[in-house]
Amino acid sequence: MNQEELKKIKADRVVDARGTSCPGPLLDTKKAMASVPVGGILETMSSDPGTKADIPVWAKKMGYEFLGVINEPGYDRIFVKKSK
């Protein structure tokens, strides 16, 4: 997805992990995904630079669809679709 498409997404659940360091954002994302319905989207906001690399790897391993990242001043917005 491109940046404009990502900006239009209304996530089913948002995790605000800004200010926490690795592995906190990934652990928060894993926990939150349990409450996202199949076909739903989870958005994670994180200021830890490693998170935007960790979440796509985790999503692929779990069979979820990594949609992309929006870089905001001081943090990233990372989108994952629960596909199963």
N, C-alpha and C. Protein backbone atom coordinates (compact mmCIF):
# COMPACT_ATOMS: atom_id res chain seq x y z
N MET A 1 0.84 -1.19 0.00
CA MET A 1 0.00 0.00 0.00
C MET A 1 0.89 1.25 0.00
N ASN A 2 0.41 2.29 -0.66
CA ASN A 2 1.18 3.53 -0.62
C ASN A 2 0.77 4.38 0.59
N GLN A 3 1.50 5.46 0.81
CA GLN A 3 1.27 6.30 1.99
C GLN A 3 -0.15 6.86 2.05
N GLU A 4 -0.68 7.28 0.91
CA GLU A 4 -2.04 7.85 0.90
C GLU A 4 -3.08 6.80 1.28
N GLU A 5 -2.93 5.59 0.78
CA GLU A 5 -3.86 4.51 1.13
C GLU A 5 -3.76 4.18 2.62
N LEU A 6 -2.54 4.13 3.14
CA LEU A 6 -2.35 3.84 4.56
C LEU A 6 -2.99 4.91 5.44
N LYS A 7 -2.88 6.18 5.03
CA LYS A 7 -3.44 7.27 5.83
C LYS A 7 -4.96 7.21 5.92
N LYS A 8 -5.61 6.53 4.97
CA LYS A 8 -7.07 6.42 4.96
C LYS A 8 -7.59 5.25 5.80
N ILE A 9 -6.68 4.39 6.25
CA ILE A 9 -7.09 3.20 7.02
C ILE A 9 -7.65 3.59 8.38
N LYS A 10 -8.78 2.97 8.71
CA LYS A 10 -9.36 3.09 10.05
C LYS A 10 -9.10 1.76 10.73
N ALA A 11 -8.10 1.73 11.60
CA ALA A 11 -7.71 0.48 12.26
C ALA A 11 -8.78 0.01 13.24
N ASP A 12 -8.91 -1.31 13.36
CA ASP A 12 -9.83 -1.89 14.32
C ASP A 12 -9.29 -1.76 15.74
N ARG A 13 -7.97 -1.71 15.85
CA ARG A 13 -7.32 -1.57 17.16
C ARG A 13 -6.03 -0.79 16.96
N VAL A 14 -5.72 0.11 17.89
CA VAL A 14 -4.49 0.90 17.84
C VAL A 14 -3.70 0.65 19.11
N VAL A 15 -2.42 0.34 18.94
CA VAL A 15 -1.51 0.16 20.06
C VAL A 15 -0.58 1.36 20.08
N ASP A 16 -0.58 2.10 21.19
CA ASP A 16 0.33 3.23 21.32
C ASP A 16 1.51 2.80 22.18
N ALA A 17 2.59 2.40 21.51
CA ALA A 17 3.79 1.93 22.21
C ALA A 17 4.91 2.96 22.13
N ARG A 18 4.54 4.21 21.85
CA ARG A 18 5.56 5.26 21.80
C ARG A 18 6.20 5.42 23.17
N GLY A 19 7.53 5.58 23.18
CA GLY A 19 8.23 5.76 24.43
C GLY A 19 8.71 4.46 25.06
N THR A 20 8.30 3.32 24.52
CA THR A 20 8.80 2.04 25.03
C THR A 20 9.84 1.49 24.05
N SER A 21 10.78 0.73 24.60
CA SER A 21 11.84 0.20 23.74
C SER A 21 11.63 -1.30 23.51
N CYS A 22 12.36 -1.82 22.56
CA CYS A 22 12.31 -3.22 22.17
C CYS A 22 12.56 -4.11 23.41
N PRO A 23 11.80 -5.15 23.60
CA PRO A 23 10.77 -5.74 22.75
C PRO A 23 9.35 -5.27 23.07
N GLY A 24 9.19 -4.22 23.86
CA GLY A 24 7.87 -3.76 24.29
C GLY A 24 6.85 -3.57 23.19
N PRO A 25 7.16 -2.79 22.14
CA PRO A 25 6.16 -2.58 21.09
C PRO A 25 5.71 -3.87 20.41
N LEU A 26 6.65 -4.78 20.18
CA LEU A 26 6.28 -6.05 19.54
C LEU A 26 5.40 -6.89 20.48
N LEU A 27 5.74 -6.94 21.75
CA LEU A 27 4.93 -7.70 22.71
C LEU A 27 3.52 -7.11 22.82
N ASP A 28 3.42 -5.78 22.85
CA ASP A 28 2.11 -5.12 22.90
C ASP A 28 1.30 -5.43 21.64
N THR A 29 1.98 -5.46 20.50
CA THR A 29 1.32 -5.76 19.23
C THR A 29 0.78 -7.19 19.23
N LYS A 30 1.59 -8.13 19.69
CA LYS A 30 1.17 -9.53 19.75
C LYS A 30 -0.08 -9.68 20.62
N LYS A 31 -0.06 -9.05 21.80
CA LYS A 31 -1.21 -9.13 22.71
C LYS A 31 -2.47 -8.53 22.09
N ALA A 32 -2.31 -7.37 21.47
CA ALA A 32 -3.46 -6.67 20.91
C ALA A 32 -4.08 -7.42 19.73
N MET A 33 -3.26 -8.12 18.96
CA MET A 33 -3.77 -8.81 17.78
C MET A 33 -4.82 -9.85 18.15
N ALA A 34 -4.76 -10.38 19.37
CA ALA A 34 -5.75 -11.37 19.81
C ALA A 34 -7.17 -10.81 19.79
N SER A 35 -7.32 -9.50 19.96
CA SER A 35 -8.66 -8.91 19.99
C SER A 35 -9.09 -8.32 18.64
N VAL A 36 -8.27 -8.47 17.62
CA VAL A 36 -8.61 -7.97 16.28
C VAL A 36 -9.32 -9.09 15.51
N PRO A 37 -10.47 -8.80 14.90
CA PRO A 37 -11.17 -9.85 14.16
C PRO A 37 -10.40 -10.22 12.88
N VAL A 38 -10.64 -11.43 12.37
CA VAL A 38 -10.04 -11.83 11.10
C VAL A 38 -10.50 -10.84 10.03
N GLY A 39 -9.56 -10.34 9.26
CA GLY A 39 -9.85 -9.31 8.26
C GLY A 39 -9.67 -7.91 8.81
N GLY A 40 -9.47 -7.80 10.12
CA GLY A 40 -9.29 -6.49 10.76
C GLY A 40 -7.86 -6.01 10.67
N ILE A 41 -7.68 -4.74 11.01
CA ILE A 41 -6.37 -4.11 10.92
C ILE A 41 -5.93 -3.59 12.28
N LEU A 42 -4.66 -3.86 12.59
CA LEU A 42 -4.03 -3.37 13.80
C LEU A 42 -2.99 -2.32 13.42
N GLU A 43 -3.04 -1.18 14.10
CA GLU A 43 -2.05 -0.13 13.91
C GLU A 43 -1.22 -0.04 15.18
N THR A 44 0.11 -0.08 15.03
CA THR A 44 1.01 0.10 16.16
C THR A 44 1.78 1.39 15.96
N MET A 45 1.75 2.26 16.96
CA MET A 45 2.55 3.48 16.94
C MET A 45 3.76 3.23 17.82
N SER A 46 4.95 3.42 17.26
CA SER A 46 6.17 3.13 18.01
C SER A 46 7.27 4.13 17.68
N SER A 47 7.98 4.55 18.73
CA SER A 47 9.13 5.43 18.55
C SER A 47 10.44 4.64 18.54
N ASP A 48 10.37 3.32 18.77
CA ASP A 48 11.57 2.48 18.75
C ASP A 48 11.89 2.13 17.29
N PRO A 49 13.09 2.48 16.81
CA PRO A 49 13.40 2.26 15.39
C PRO A 49 13.39 0.80 14.95
N GLY A 50 13.63 -0.13 15.86
CA GLY A 50 13.64 -1.54 15.49
C GLY A 50 12.26 -2.12 15.22
N THR A 51 11.23 -1.46 15.71
CA THR A 51 9.88 -1.99 15.59
C THR A 51 9.44 -2.12 14.14
N LYS A 52 9.82 -1.15 13.30
CA LYS A 52 9.37 -1.23 11.91
C LYS A 52 10.04 -2.36 11.14
N ALA A 53 11.10 -2.95 11.70
CA ALA A 53 11.70 -4.15 11.11
C ALA A 53 11.13 -5.41 11.77
N ASP A 54 10.88 -5.34 13.09
CA ASP A 54 10.40 -6.51 13.84
C ASP A 54 8.98 -6.92 13.47
N ILE A 55 8.08 -5.96 13.35
CA ILE A 55 6.67 -6.30 13.13
C ILE A 55 6.44 -6.97 11.77
N PRO A 56 7.05 -6.51 10.67
CA PRO A 56 6.83 -7.24 9.41
C PRO A 56 7.31 -8.69 9.46
N VAL A 57 8.43 -8.95 10.13
CA VAL A 57 8.94 -10.32 10.26
C VAL A 57 7.96 -11.17 11.07
N TRP A 58 7.49 -10.62 12.18
CA TRP A 58 6.52 -11.33 13.02
C TRP A 58 5.22 -11.59 12.24
N ALA A 59 4.74 -10.57 11.52
CA ALA A 59 3.48 -10.71 10.76
C ALA A 59 3.59 -11.84 9.74
N LYS A 60 4.69 -11.88 9.02
CA LYS A 60 4.88 -12.93 8.01
C LYS A 60 4.90 -14.31 8.67
N LYS A 61 5.60 -14.42 9.79
CA LYS A 61 5.70 -15.70 10.51
C LYS A 61 4.32 -16.18 10.97
N MET A 62 3.46 -15.23 11.35
CA MET A 62 2.13 -15.56 11.86
C MET A 62 1.09 -15.75 10.75
N GLY A 63 1.45 -15.41 9.52
CA GLY A 63 0.51 -15.53 8.41
C GLY A 63 -0.38 -14.31 8.26
N TYR A 64 0.03 -13.18 8.84
CA TYR A 64 -0.71 -11.93 8.71
C TYR A 64 -0.14 -11.12 7.55
N GLU A 65 -0.88 -10.12 7.12
CA GLU A 65 -0.45 -9.28 6.00
C GLU A 65 0.09 -7.95 6.51
N PHE A 66 1.37 -7.72 6.29
CA PHE A 66 1.98 -6.43 6.63
C PHE A 66 1.58 -5.45 5.54
N LEU A 67 0.94 -4.34 5.94
CA LEU A 67 0.43 -3.38 4.96
C LEU A 67 1.39 -2.23 4.69
N GLY A 68 2.18 -1.83 5.70
CA GLY A 68 3.13 -0.76 5.48
C GLY A 68 3.34 0.10 6.70
N VAL A 69 4.17 1.14 6.51
CA VAL A 69 4.57 2.04 7.59
C VAL A 69 4.40 3.48 7.13
N ILE A 70 3.87 4.31 8.03
CA ILE A 70 3.85 5.76 7.83
C ILE A 70 4.83 6.35 8.83
N ASN A 71 5.77 7.12 8.33
CA ASN A 71 6.74 7.79 9.20
C ASN A 71 6.17 9.13 9.63
N GLU A 72 5.95 9.28 10.93
CA GLU A 72 5.48 10.54 11.51
C GLU A 72 6.66 11.16 12.26
N PRO A 73 6.61 12.45 12.57
CA PRO A 73 7.71 13.05 13.33
C PRO A 73 7.88 12.38 14.70
N GLY A 74 8.98 11.67 14.89
CA GLY A 74 9.28 11.05 16.17
C GLY A 74 8.76 9.64 16.39
N TYR A 75 7.96 9.13 15.46
CA TYR A 75 7.45 7.76 15.60
C TYR A 75 6.97 7.21 14.26
N ASP A 76 6.71 5.91 14.25
CA ASP A 76 6.18 5.24 13.06
C ASP A 76 4.80 4.68 13.35
N ARG A 77 3.96 4.65 12.31
CA ARG A 77 2.66 3.99 12.38
C ARG A 77 2.76 2.75 11.50
N ILE A 78 2.58 1.57 12.09
CA ILE A 78 2.80 0.30 11.40
C ILE A 78 1.47 -0.44 11.33
N PHE A 79 1.12 -0.89 10.13
CA PHE A 79 -0.20 -1.50 9.90
C PHE A 79 -0.08 -2.98 9.52
N VAL A 80 -0.89 -3.82 10.19
CA VAL A 80 -0.92 -5.25 9.91
C VAL A 80 -2.37 -5.69 9.83
N LYS A 81 -2.68 -6.50 8.80
CA LYS A 81 -4.03 -7.04 8.63
C LYS A 81 -4.03 -8.49 9.11
N LYS A 82 -5.00 -8.81 9.94
CA LYS A 82 -5.12 -10.19 10.45
C LYS A 82 -5.85 -11.01 9.38
N SER A 83 -5.10 -11.87 8.72
CA SER A 83 -5.67 -12.62 7.61
C SER A 83 -6.17 -14.01 7.95
N LYS A 84 -5.94 -14.43 9.19
CA LYS A 84 -6.46 -15.76 9.55
C LYS A 84 -6.78 -15.81 11.03
